Amino acid sequence: MAVSETLSKSAPTGAGGGRNKGITLTVIAATQLMVVLDATIVNIALPHIKTALGFSDTSLSWVINAYTLAFGGLLLLGGRIGDILGRRRVFVVGVLLFGLASLIGGIAQDAGMLLAARGLQGIGGAICSPTAFALIATNFQEGPERNRAFGVFSAVAGSGAAIGLLAGGALTEYLDWRWVFFVNVPIAVLIAVAAPRFINESERQEGRFDVPGALASTLGLVGLVYGFIRAASDGWSDGIALSSFAIGALLIVAFVVIERRTTQPITPLHLFRNRNRTGGLIMMLCLAAAMFGIFFYITIFAQTVIGYSPLKAGVAFLPISVAIIVAAQLASAFQAKYGPKVFMAGGAVLVALGLTWLTQLKADSSYLSGVLGPTVVFGFGMGLIFVPVMLLSVAGVPDHEAGAASGLLNSTQQIGGALGLSILTTVFSTAAKDEVKAQLPDFQAHATPEQLASFKGEFPIGSPWYSQVLAHGIGQAFIVGAALAVVALLAAVFVVKAKASDLPAEGPAGMAI
């Protein structure tokens, strides 16, 4: 059954009438897809971007970090802006800003221009993403209708990263790397045109913006992430890395103090008093780290070790996308019958199993023997978790704080992804350096003169040494990912207490995407 047909059966007449509920959800979900897939669509194009704009190996990472840090750091403020100024209005502004930044990124002529565009994209995403989530709460009635909407929204959000890898591979291989940015422009324009017609506006709330809190949280996150990235390249004793950690931690403490004292915080700390919400946020923090690691490192493994083209590497991620969508729909359909806890705990177990399986990657692992099985298990587990975490994040939250609650969930996901990926990168770097030392005698004995001349003391050049070092580092990094999944499982078992009776009595029906 189509989305519009399913929703219209129980949807009240809203913007444009009940039959347009499907269009309303399509507009909102398309925005989330555009924002989420942007975090990965650029990954496959990075080698081409490096050559075209003259990035160094170190500075190239900021093409990803500039977006993620701006996006994750400002999500809380973005949710608050929507509460105060009107969510649909702010939603449209964020979408247009995202589209403009994408255009600038596509025409960038140097590294500085592209990084500025990526940061601006992050700001636009931070504005429209939390308001998109909150607009579900204001456009769909609580109960089965909203549960079905969340089922579609979570499936789109969960599969967006894999779709981005596929789209990035196709655009890079058949057109040009600039199209990974240009593709957002017409989508943003269509969304901005459709939103006023099909999305109801929320009531504007009285209040003011907590700029000090937003700055403290954003800069604190930047400090922590930069500390891990610096430690990965210069070691844990590096003074700049340690200073970055200290400054980041102090700013996070300052953020908490600011939020406790201000009368209108961007993050009302009382939201954490609900243990079900807090448990869900802990899970999202940990599992986002694992998810970012999957897409980053398996992409590298597929192209560098297995030898896939950009497009083939993107296609290799489709089973994850399918697993997430199927699992999300199952969780949505049976949420009210079995309660959220069984899906959260079961999903965490599957995620931990998938990540543990990935620690066994070797230089001679193929896609079928080393990648397909564990990534599908991982994806199915994540799909089971998305819907209950999203439902619990806004359960019992007053309408005037829905933006703050959704911003908190989205921010937790981005913060977890940024911090987690930086931690995994640190572990990867340390393990890879150790493996270089182990491989060095054989490399020196059998490498060609050209390979020896190209060796700069980091990674050995050529196979099988480079593949062995890469596979070892990735496998060790996923040990940390598996440990984070275990932490998420403990949160699901011991922190979350939600039961089926806490949700609407009528379970949401399944919905085709």
Protein backbone atom coordinates (compact mmCIF):
# COMPACT_ATOMS: atom_id res chain seq x y z
CA MET A 1 0.00 0.00 0.00
CA ALA A 2 1.32 3.46 -0.87
CA VAL A 3 2.27 5.94 1.83
CA SER A 4 -0.52 8.38 1.00
CA GLU A 5 -3.15 5.63 0.94
CA THR A 6 -2.05 4.22 4.29
CA LEU A 7 -1.94 7.54 6.06
CA SER A 8 -5.15 8.92 4.63
CA LYS A 9 -7.22 6.19 6.25
CA SER A 10 -6.73 7.57 9.73
CA ALA A 11 -5.30 11.03 9.13
CA PRO A 12 -7.31 14.10 10.00
CA THR A 13 -7.62 16.82 7.44
CA GLY A 14 -4.53 19.01 7.68
CA ALA A 15 -2.66 21.15 5.22
CA GLY A 16 -4.28 20.41 1.90
CA GLY A 17 -6.65 17.76 3.29
CA GLY A 18 -6.35 14.25 4.65
CA ARG A 19 -5.45 12.69 1.30
CA ASN A 20 -2.32 14.84 1.20
CA LYS A 21 -0.88 13.40 4.40
CA GLY A 22 1.30 11.16 2.25
CA ILE A 23 2.66 14.20 0.40
CA THR A 24 3.29 15.93 3.72
CA LEU A 25 5.33 12.99 4.92
CA THR A 26 7.13 12.73 1.58
CA VAL A 27 8.26 16.37 1.79
CA ILE A 28 9.47 15.96 5.37
CA ALA A 29 11.19 12.63 4.72
CA ALA A 30 12.82 13.92 1.52
CA THR A 31 14.41 16.70 3.53
CA GLN A 32 15.81 14.28 6.07
CA LEU A 33 17.10 12.06 3.28
CA MET A 34 18.85 15.00 1.62
CA VAL A 35 20.53 16.01 4.88
CA VAL A 36 21.47 12.51 6.05
CA LEU A 37 22.85 11.20 2.78
CA ASP A 38 25.06 14.28 2.45
CA ALA A 39 27.18 12.88 5.28
CA THR A 40 28.23 9.97 3.04
CA ILE A 41 27.60 10.99 -0.58
CA VAL A 42 30.82 13.02 -0.46
CA ASN A 43 32.96 10.15 0.88
CA ILE A 44 33.37 8.33 -2.43
CA ALA A 45 34.23 11.59 -4.23
CA LEU A 46 37.05 12.53 -1.82
CA PRO A 47 39.95 11.30 -4.00
CA HIS A 48 38.64 13.38 -6.91
CA ILE A 49 38.09 16.42 -4.68
CA LYS A 50 41.64 16.10 -3.35
CA THR A 51 43.13 16.15 -6.85
CA ALA A 52 40.90 18.94 -8.18
CA LEU A 53 41.25 21.40 -5.29
CA GLY A 54 44.71 20.53 -3.96
CA PHE A 55 43.84 19.16 -0.52
CA SER A 56 46.56 17.43 1.47
CA ASP A 57 45.93 14.03 3.03
CA THR A 58 45.40 15.68 6.43
CA SER A 59 43.24 18.61 5.36
CA LEU A 60 41.01 16.37 3.21
CA SER A 61 39.34 14.99 6.34
CA TRP A 62 37.87 18.42 7.03
CA VAL A 63 35.63 18.08 3.97
CA ILE A 64 33.68 15.66 6.16
CA ASN A 65 34.38 17.26 9.54
CA ALA A 66 33.35 20.79 8.53
CA TYR A 67 29.86 19.50 7.75
CA THR A 68 29.47 17.09 10.65
CA LEU A 69 30.69 19.50 13.33
CA ALA A 70 28.52 22.40 12.16
CA PHE A 71 25.54 20.09 11.77
CA GLY A 72 25.86 18.29 15.09
CA GLY A 73 26.95 21.29 17.10
CA LEU A 74 24.08 23.56 16.04
CA LEU A 75 21.22 21.07 15.95
CA LEU A 76 20.08 22.04 19.44
CA LEU A 77 19.84 25.71 18.49
CA GLY A 78 18.10 24.75 15.24
CA GLY A 79 15.34 22.97 17.14
CA ARG A 80 14.91 25.97 19.44
CA ILE A 81 14.68 28.40 16.52
CA GLY A 82 11.83 26.35 15.06
CA ASP A 83 9.95 26.42 18.36
CA ILE A 84 10.17 30.20 18.63
CA LEU A 85 9.81 31.39 15.03
CA GLY A 86 7.53 28.67 13.63
CA ARG A 87 8.74 25.28 12.46
CA ARG A 88 7.54 25.37 8.88
CA ARG A 89 9.01 28.83 8.32
CA VAL A 90 12.37 27.85 9.77
CA PHE A 91 12.22 24.52 7.93
CA VAL A 92 11.99 26.29 4.56
CA VAL A 93 14.83 28.69 5.43
CA GLY A 94 17.07 25.79 6.43
CA VAL A 95 16.29 23.87 3.24
CA LEU A 96 17.07 26.88 1.04
CA LEU A 97 20.31 27.56 2.93
CA PHE A 98 21.32 23.94 2.44
CA GLY A 99 20.59 24.20 -1.28
CA LEU A 100 22.56 27.45 -1.63
CA ALA A 101 25.54 25.96 0.20
CA SER A 102 25.39 22.90 -2.07
CA LEU A 103 25.53 25.16 -5.12
CA ILE A 104 28.56 26.99 -3.71
CA GLY A 105 30.25 23.66 -2.98
CA GLY A 106 29.62 22.48 -6.52
CA ILE A 107 31.27 25.53 -8.07
CA ALA A 108 34.11 25.74 -5.51
CA GLN A 109 37.44 26.70 -7.06
CA ASP A 110 39.70 26.11 -4.08
CA ALA A 111 39.84 24.27 -0.77
CA GLY A 112 38.79 27.25 1.35
CA MET A 113 35.65 27.86 -0.70
CA LEU A 114 34.62 24.21 -0.45
CA LEU A 115 35.18 24.04 3.32
CA ALA A 116 33.14 27.21 3.79
CA ALA A 117 30.34 25.66 1.74
CA ARG A 118 30.48 22.46 3.78
CA GLY A 119 30.19 24.42 7.01
CA LEU A 120 27.24 26.36 5.57
CA GLN A 121 25.62 23.08 4.54
CA GLY A 122 25.97 21.91 8.13
CA ILE A 123 24.26 25.04 9.41
CA GLY A 124 21.40 24.61 6.94
CA GLY A 125 21.04 20.96 7.94
CA ALA A 126 21.07 21.89 11.62
CA ILE A 127 18.13 24.23 11.00
CA CYS A 128 15.92 22.02 8.82
CA SER A 129 16.60 18.54 10.26
CA PRO A 130 15.24 19.01 13.82
CA THR A 131 12.31 21.04 12.54
CA ALA A 132 11.53 18.26 10.05
CA PHE A 133 11.38 15.75 12.90
CA ALA A 134 9.24 18.08 15.04
CA LEU A 135 6.86 18.73 12.14
CA ILE A 136 5.84 15.07 12.27
CA ALA A 137 4.60 15.67 15.81
CA THR A 138 2.60 18.72 14.73
CA ASN A 139 1.20 17.29 11.46
CA PHE A 140 0.32 13.72 12.51
CA GLN A 141 -1.91 12.67 15.39
CA GLU A 142 -0.33 10.82 18.31
CA GLY A 143 -0.93 7.09 18.07
CA PRO A 144 -0.93 4.77 15.04
CA GLU A 145 -0.79 7.63 12.52
CA ARG A 146 2.29 9.20 14.08
CA ASN A 147 3.89 5.79 14.60
CA ARG A 148 3.49 5.02 10.91
CA ALA A 149 4.99 8.39 10.01
CA PHE A 150 7.94 7.75 12.31
CA GLY A 151 8.37 4.34 10.68
CA VAL A 152 8.86 5.93 7.26
CA PHE A 153 10.96 8.77 8.65
CA SER A 154 13.28 6.41 10.55
CA ALA A 155 13.69 4.11 7.56
CA VAL A 156 14.68 7.07 5.40
CA ALA A 157 17.05 8.43 8.05
CA GLY A 158 18.60 5.04 8.66
CA SER A 159 19.12 4.17 5.00
CA GLY A 160 20.20 7.64 3.90
CA ALA A 161 23.88 6.95 4.51
CA ALA A 162 23.89 3.86 2.28
CA ILE A 163 21.88 5.66 -0.41
CA GLY A 164 24.42 8.47 -0.28
CA LEU A 165 27.26 6.06 -0.95
CA LEU A 166 25.41 4.60 -3.94
CA ALA A 167 24.50 8.01 -5.34
CA GLY A 168 28.00 9.34 -4.74
CA GLY A 169 29.51 6.42 -6.60
CA ALA A 170 27.23 6.86 -9.62
CA LEU A 171 27.60 10.63 -9.80
CA THR A 172 31.38 10.51 -9.40
CA GLU A 173 31.90 7.69 -11.89
CA TYR A 174 29.55 8.88 -14.65
CA LEU A 175 29.41 12.67 -14.24
CA ASP A 176 31.79 14.58 -11.98
CA TRP A 177 32.51 14.95 -8.26
CA ARG A 178 30.79 18.37 -8.30
CA TRP A 179 27.44 16.67 -8.88
CA VAL A 180 27.45 15.23 -5.36
CA PHE A 181 26.70 18.85 -4.39
CA PHE A 182 24.66 20.00 -7.39
CA VAL A 183 22.12 17.19 -6.92
CA ASN A 184 20.84 18.84 -3.74
CA VAL A 185 19.89 22.11 -5.43
CA PRO A 186 16.72 21.07 -7.36
CA ILE A 187 15.59 18.90 -4.43
CA ALA A 188 15.86 21.84 -2.04
CA VAL A 189 13.89 24.09 -4.39
CA LEU A 190 11.07 21.53 -4.77
CA ILE A 191 10.84 21.03 -1.01
CA ALA A 192 10.74 24.78 -0.36
CA VAL A 193 7.91 25.18 -2.88
CA ALA A 194 5.86 22.24 -1.56
CA ALA A 195 6.25 22.89 2.17
CA PRO A 196 3.86 25.88 2.52
CA ARG A 197 1.14 23.99 0.68
CA PHE A 198 1.30 20.60 2.37
CA ILE A 199 2.79 21.20 5.85
CA ASN A 200 0.90 22.85 8.70
CA GLU A 201 2.68 25.65 10.54
CA SER A 202 3.22 25.28 14.28
CA GLU A 203 2.25 27.92 16.80
CA ARG A 204 5.06 30.34 17.58
CA GLN A 205 6.34 30.14 21.13
CA GLU A 206 7.53 33.01 23.27
CA GLY A 207 11.21 32.94 24.07
CA ARG A 208 14.71 33.90 23.08
CA PHE A 209 17.74 32.15 21.65
CA ASP A 210 20.36 30.61 23.91
CA VAL A 211 23.40 31.70 21.88
CA PRO A 212 25.97 31.16 24.70
CA GLY A 213 24.74 27.59 25.14
CA ALA A 214 24.90 26.94 21.40
CA LEU A 215 28.45 28.30 21.14
CA ALA A 216 29.66 26.37 24.18
CA SER A 217 28.25 23.06 22.92
CA THR A 218 29.48 23.55 19.35
CA LEU A 219 33.01 24.65 20.25
CA GLY A 220 33.23 21.98 22.94
CA LEU A 221 32.40 19.33 20.36
CA VAL A 222 34.94 20.76 17.93
CA GLY A 223 37.61 20.63 20.65
CA LEU A 224 36.95 17.00 21.53
CA VAL A 225 36.80 15.80 17.92
CA TYR A 226 39.93 17.71 16.96
CA GLY A 227 41.71 16.24 19.97
CA PHE A 228 41.02 12.69 18.79
CA ILE A 229 41.99 13.49 15.20
CA ARG A 230 45.21 15.12 16.39
CA ALA A 231 45.99 12.18 18.68
CA ALA A 232 45.51 9.78 15.77
CA SER A 233 48.33 11.45 13.82
CA ASP A 234 50.61 12.82 16.57
CA GLY A 235 50.01 10.50 19.51
CA TRP A 236 48.33 10.84 22.90
CA SER A 237 51.22 12.81 24.38
CA ASP A 238 50.89 15.62 21.85
CA GLY A 239 50.42 18.93 23.64
CA ILE A 240 47.92 20.32 21.14
CA ALA A 241 45.80 17.18 21.37
CA LEU A 242 45.76 17.29 25.16
CA SER A 243 44.96 21.01 25.16
CA SER A 244 42.14 20.42 22.72
CA PHE A 245 40.67 17.73 24.98
CA ALA A 246 40.91 20.02 28.01
CA ILE A 247 39.32 23.00 26.27
CA GLY A 248 36.57 20.84 24.79
CA ALA A 249 35.76 19.30 28.18
CA LEU A 250 35.69 22.70 29.88
CA LEU A 251 33.32 24.04 27.24
CA ILE A 252 30.99 21.06 27.66
CA VAL A 253 30.95 21.70 31.42
CA ALA A 254 30.28 25.37 30.70
CA PHE A 255 27.41 24.32 28.45
CA VAL A 256 25.80 22.34 31.27
CA VAL A 257 26.23 25.29 33.66
CA ILE A 258 24.71 27.68 31.14
CA GLU A 259 21.75 25.40 30.54
CA ARG A 260 21.12 25.09 34.28
CA ARG A 261 21.11 28.85 34.82
CA THR A 262 19.37 30.21 31.74
CA THR A 263 15.61 30.56 31.83
CA GLN A 264 15.19 29.39 28.23
CA PRO A 265 17.88 26.83 27.43
CA ILE A 266 18.30 25.21 24.03
CA THR A 267 18.43 21.91 25.90
CA PRO A 268 16.04 21.76 28.85
CA LEU A 269 17.98 19.48 31.19
CA HIS A 270 14.76 18.15 32.70
CA LEU A 271 14.34 16.14 29.48
CA PHE A 272 16.99 13.80 30.88
CA ARG A 273 14.87 13.01 33.95
CA ASN A 274 12.88 10.55 31.87
CA ARG A 275 14.94 7.37 32.01
CA ASN A 276 13.41 5.95 28.85
CA ARG A 277 14.44 9.03 26.87
CA THR A 278 17.89 9.05 28.47
CA GLY A 279 18.39 5.37 27.75
CA GLY A 280 17.46 5.92 24.11
CA LEU A 281 19.89 8.83 23.83
CA ILE A 282 22.71 6.75 25.30
CA MET A 283 22.00 4.07 22.72
CA MET A 284 21.94 6.58 19.89
CA LEU A 285 25.22 8.13 21.05
CA CYS A 286 26.97 4.75 21.00
CA LEU A 287 25.39 3.25 17.90
CA ALA A 288 25.86 6.35 15.75
CA ALA A 289 29.59 5.96 16.35
CA ALA A 290 29.42 2.40 15.03
CA MET A 291 27.31 3.42 12.04
CA PHE A 292 29.67 6.22 10.98
CA GLY A 293 32.54 3.74 11.31
CA ILE A 294 30.79 1.17 9.12
CA PHE A 295 30.23 3.53 6.22
CA PHE A 296 33.64 5.19 6.46
CA TYR A 297 35.87 2.15 6.85
CA ILE A 298 33.96 -0.40 4.80
CA THR A 299 33.95 2.11 1.92
CA ILE A 300 37.74 2.34 2.17
CA PHE A 301 38.06 -1.44 2.48
CA ALA A 302 35.83 -2.11 -0.53
CA GLN A 303 37.69 0.29 -2.83
CA THR A 304 41.25 -0.14 -1.57
CA VAL A 305 41.51 -3.78 -0.48
CA ILE A 306 38.84 -5.53 -2.55
CA GLY A 307 39.38 -3.18 -5.49
CA TYR A 308 35.80 -2.07 -6.19
CA SER A 309 35.03 0.98 -8.31
CA PRO A 310 33.17 3.89 -6.64
CA LEU A 311 29.85 2.75 -8.08
CA LYS A 312 30.38 -0.91 -7.19
CA ALA A 313 31.36 0.11 -3.66
CA GLY A 314 28.12 2.05 -3.40
CA VAL A 315 26.07 -0.88 -4.67
CA ALA A 316 27.72 -3.08 -2.06
CA PHE A 317 25.93 -1.08 0.63
CA LEU A 318 22.42 -1.67 -0.72
CA PRO A 319 21.85 -4.78 1.47
CA ILE A 320 22.39 -2.61 4.55
CA SER A 321 19.78 -0.16 3.31
CA VAL A 322 17.27 -2.95 2.67
CA ALA A 323 17.92 -4.49 6.10
CA ILE A 324 17.38 -1.15 7.85
CA ILE A 325 14.12 -0.47 6.00
CA VAL A 326 12.67 -3.93 6.63
CA ALA A 327 13.59 -3.90 10.30
CA ALA A 328 12.26 -0.37 10.82
CA GLN A 329 8.91 -1.33 9.35
CA LEU A 330 8.72 -4.42 11.56
CA ALA A 331 9.48 -2.34 14.65
CA SER A 332 6.89 0.23 13.62
CA ALA A 333 4.22 -2.43 13.00
CA PHE A 334 4.65 -4.31 16.29
CA GLN A 335 5.74 -1.52 18.63
CA ALA A 336 2.49 -1.20 20.53
CA LYS A 337 2.07 -4.98 20.84
CA TYR A 338 5.48 -5.93 22.22
CA GLY A 339 6.74 -2.62 23.57
CA PRO A 340 9.93 -0.78 22.62
CA LYS A 341 12.38 -2.54 24.92
CA VAL A 342 12.45 -5.86 23.08
CA PHE A 343 13.33 -4.11 19.82
CA MET A 344 15.97 -1.91 21.43
CA ALA A 345 17.70 -4.79 23.23
CA GLY A 346 17.39 -7.21 20.32
CA GLY A 347 18.67 -4.61 17.89
CA ALA A 348 21.68 -3.84 20.09
CA VAL A 349 22.57 -7.56 20.24
CA LEU A 350 22.51 -7.79 16.44
CA VAL A 351 24.61 -4.63 16.07
CA ALA A 352 27.19 -6.01 18.50
CA LEU A 353 27.30 -9.33 16.64
CA GLY A 354 27.73 -7.62 13.26
CA LEU A 355 30.56 -5.42 14.52
CA THR A 356 32.29 -8.34 16.23
CA TRP A 357 32.09 -10.26 12.96
CA LEU A 358 33.77 -7.33 11.17
CA THR A 359 36.76 -7.50 13.49
CA GLN A 360 37.72 -10.64 11.54
CA LEU A 361 38.37 -8.76 8.28
CA LYS A 362 41.60 -9.82 6.59
CA ALA A 363 43.55 -8.63 3.58
CA ASP A 364 42.22 -11.60 1.58
CA SER A 365 38.58 -11.16 2.68
CA SER A 366 36.12 -10.83 -0.17
CA TYR A 367 32.81 -8.99 -0.15
CA LEU A 368 30.84 -12.23 0.25
CA SER A 369 33.11 -13.78 2.86
CA GLY A 370 33.92 -10.74 4.99
CA VAL A 371 31.51 -7.84 4.39
CA LEU A 372 28.00 -8.85 3.30
CA GLY A 373 26.97 -11.00 6.27
CA PRO A 374 28.11 -8.74 9.13
CA THR A 375 26.86 -5.54 7.53
CA VAL A 376 23.37 -7.00 6.94
CA VAL A 377 23.20 -8.17 10.56
CA PHE A 378 24.34 -4.71 11.66
CA GLY A 379 21.77 -2.96 9.44
CA PHE A 380 18.87 -5.09 10.65
CA GLY A 381 19.80 -4.37 14.25
CA MET A 382 19.95 -0.64 13.63
CA GLY A 383 16.57 -0.72 11.90
CA LEU A 384 14.97 -2.34 14.95
CA ILE A 385 16.36 0.41 17.19
CA PHE A 386 15.51 3.55 15.22
CA VAL A 387 11.73 3.58 15.68
CA PRO A 388 11.55 2.99 19.47
CA VAL A 389 14.34 5.48 20.15
CA MET A 390 12.56 8.13 18.08
CA LEU A 391 9.22 7.47 19.76
CA LEU A 392 10.68 7.59 23.26
CA SER A 393 12.58 10.79 22.51
CA VAL A 394 9.34 12.78 22.13
CA ALA A 395 6.97 10.73 24.30
CA GLY A 396 5.31 12.95 26.88
CA VAL A 397 7.10 16.09 25.68
CA PRO A 398 4.94 19.24 25.55
CA ASP A 399 4.40 20.65 22.07
CA HIS A 400 6.45 23.77 22.83
CA GLU A 401 9.48 21.58 23.59
CA ALA A 402 9.13 19.14 20.69
CA GLY A 403 11.78 21.01 18.73
CA ALA A 404 14.23 20.85 21.63
CA ALA A 405 13.58 17.13 22.13
CA SER A 406 14.02 16.29 18.44
CA GLY A 407 17.09 18.52 18.26
CA LEU A 408 18.56 16.66 21.21
CA LEU A 409 18.05 13.30 19.50
CA ASN A 410 19.54 14.47 16.21
CA SER A 411 22.42 16.20 17.97
CA THR A 412 23.17 13.07 19.96
CA GLN A 413 23.36 11.08 16.74
CA GLN A 414 25.75 13.55 15.09
CA ILE A 415 27.87 14.00 18.21
CA GLY A 416 28.08 10.24 18.65
CA GLY A 417 29.05 9.83 15.01
CA ALA A 418 31.70 12.55 15.04
CA LEU A 419 33.23 11.56 18.37
CA GLY A 420 32.95 7.85 17.65
CA LEU A 421 34.53 8.08 14.22
CA SER A 422 37.39 10.12 15.64
CA ILE A 423 37.91 7.49 18.38
CA LEU A 424 37.80 4.66 15.85
CA THR A 425 40.27 6.59 13.68
CA THR A 426 42.64 6.89 16.62
CA VAL A 427 42.47 3.13 17.24
CA PHE A 428 42.84 2.44 13.52
CA SER A 429 45.91 4.67 13.29
CA THR A 430 47.61 3.07 16.31
CA ALA A 431 46.91 -0.48 15.12
CA ALA A 432 47.99 0.31 11.57
CA LYS A 433 51.30 1.77 12.76
CA ASP A 434 51.96 -1.37 14.79
CA GLU A 435 51.21 -3.52 11.76
CA VAL A 436 53.57 -1.43 9.63
CA LYS A 437 56.38 -2.33 12.03
CA ALA A 438 55.43 -6.00 11.76
CA GLN A 439 55.33 -5.89 7.96
CA LEU A 440 58.44 -3.74 7.51
CA PRO A 441 61.10 -6.53 7.32
CA ASP A 442 59.18 -8.38 4.58
CA PHE A 443 58.46 -5.11 2.78
CA GLN A 444 62.13 -4.12 2.77
CA ALA A 445 63.13 -7.57 1.54
CA HIS A 446 60.65 -7.90 -1.35
CA ALA A 447 59.48 -4.41 -2.38
CA THR A 448 60.58 -2.88 -5.69
CA PRO A 449 63.04 0.03 -5.69
CA GLU A 450 60.20 2.37 -6.61
CA GLN A 451 58.09 1.15 -3.67
CA LEU A 452 60.98 1.55 -1.27
CA ALA A 453 61.65 5.06 -2.54
CA SER A 454 57.98 6.01 -2.05
CA PHE A 455 57.85 4.72 1.53
CA LYS A 456 57.79 7.67 3.94
CA GLY A 457 57.61 5.75 7.21
CA GLU A 458 53.80 5.58 7.30
CA PHE A 459 52.01 2.99 5.17
CA PRO A 460 54.03 0.66 2.91
CA ILE A 461 53.34 1.06 -0.79
CA GLY A 462 51.77 -1.76 -2.79
CA SER A 463 50.25 -5.15 -2.09
CA PRO A 464 50.14 -7.26 -0.05
CA TRP A 465 51.63 -5.03 2.63
CA TYR A 466 49.29 -2.06 2.30
CA SER A 467 46.18 -4.25 2.28
CA GLN A 468 47.39 -6.14 5.33
CA VAL A 469 48.04 -2.94 7.28
CA LEU A 470 44.68 -1.48 6.28
CA ALA A 471 42.70 -4.62 7.12
CA HIS A 472 44.40 -4.99 10.50
CA GLY A 473 43.71 -1.37 11.46
CA ILE A 474 40.06 -1.59 10.40
CA GLY A 475 39.53 -4.83 12.30
CA GLN A 476 40.96 -3.31 15.48
CA ALA A 477 38.79 -0.21 15.10
CA PHE A 478 35.65 -2.34 14.99
CA ILE A 479 36.56 -3.85 18.37
CA VAL A 480 35.82 -0.40 19.81
CA GLY A 481 32.59 -0.29 17.78
CA ALA A 482 31.50 -3.63 19.23
CA ALA A 483 32.28 -2.39 22.76
CA LEU A 484 30.09 0.67 22.18
CA ALA A 485 27.27 -1.61 21.00
CA VAL A 486 27.56 -3.54 24.28
CA VAL A 487 27.19 -0.25 26.18
CA ALA A 488 24.03 0.42 24.13
CA LEU A 489 22.73 -3.04 25.03
CA LEU A 490 23.30 -2.38 28.74
CA ALA A 491 21.35 0.87 28.42
CA ALA A 492 18.47 -0.96 26.74
CA VAL A 493 18.36 -3.63 29.44
CA PHE A 494 19.01 -1.63 32.61
CA VAL A 495 17.99 1.98 31.85
CA VAL A 496 14.96 1.73 29.55
CA LYS A 497 11.81 0.62 31.41
CA ALA A 498 9.16 1.41 28.79
CA LYS A 499 6.45 -1.21 28.25
CA ALA A 500 3.82 -1.82 25.62
CA SER A 501 1.27 -0.12 27.88
CA ASP A 502 3.27 3.14 27.61
CA LEU A 503 2.44 3.31 23.91
CA PRO A 504 -0.93 3.63 22.14
CA ALA A 505 -3.06 0.48 22.47
CA GLU A 506 -3.50 0.16 18.69
CA GLY A 507 -0.29 -0.85 16.98
CA PRO A 508 0.73 0.94 13.79
CA ALA A 509 0.07 -0.85 10.59
CA GLY A 510 2.87 -1.58 8.19
CA MET A 511 3.65 0.98 5.56
CA ALA A 512 5.27 0.49 2.19
CA ILE A 513 8.03 2.90 1.29
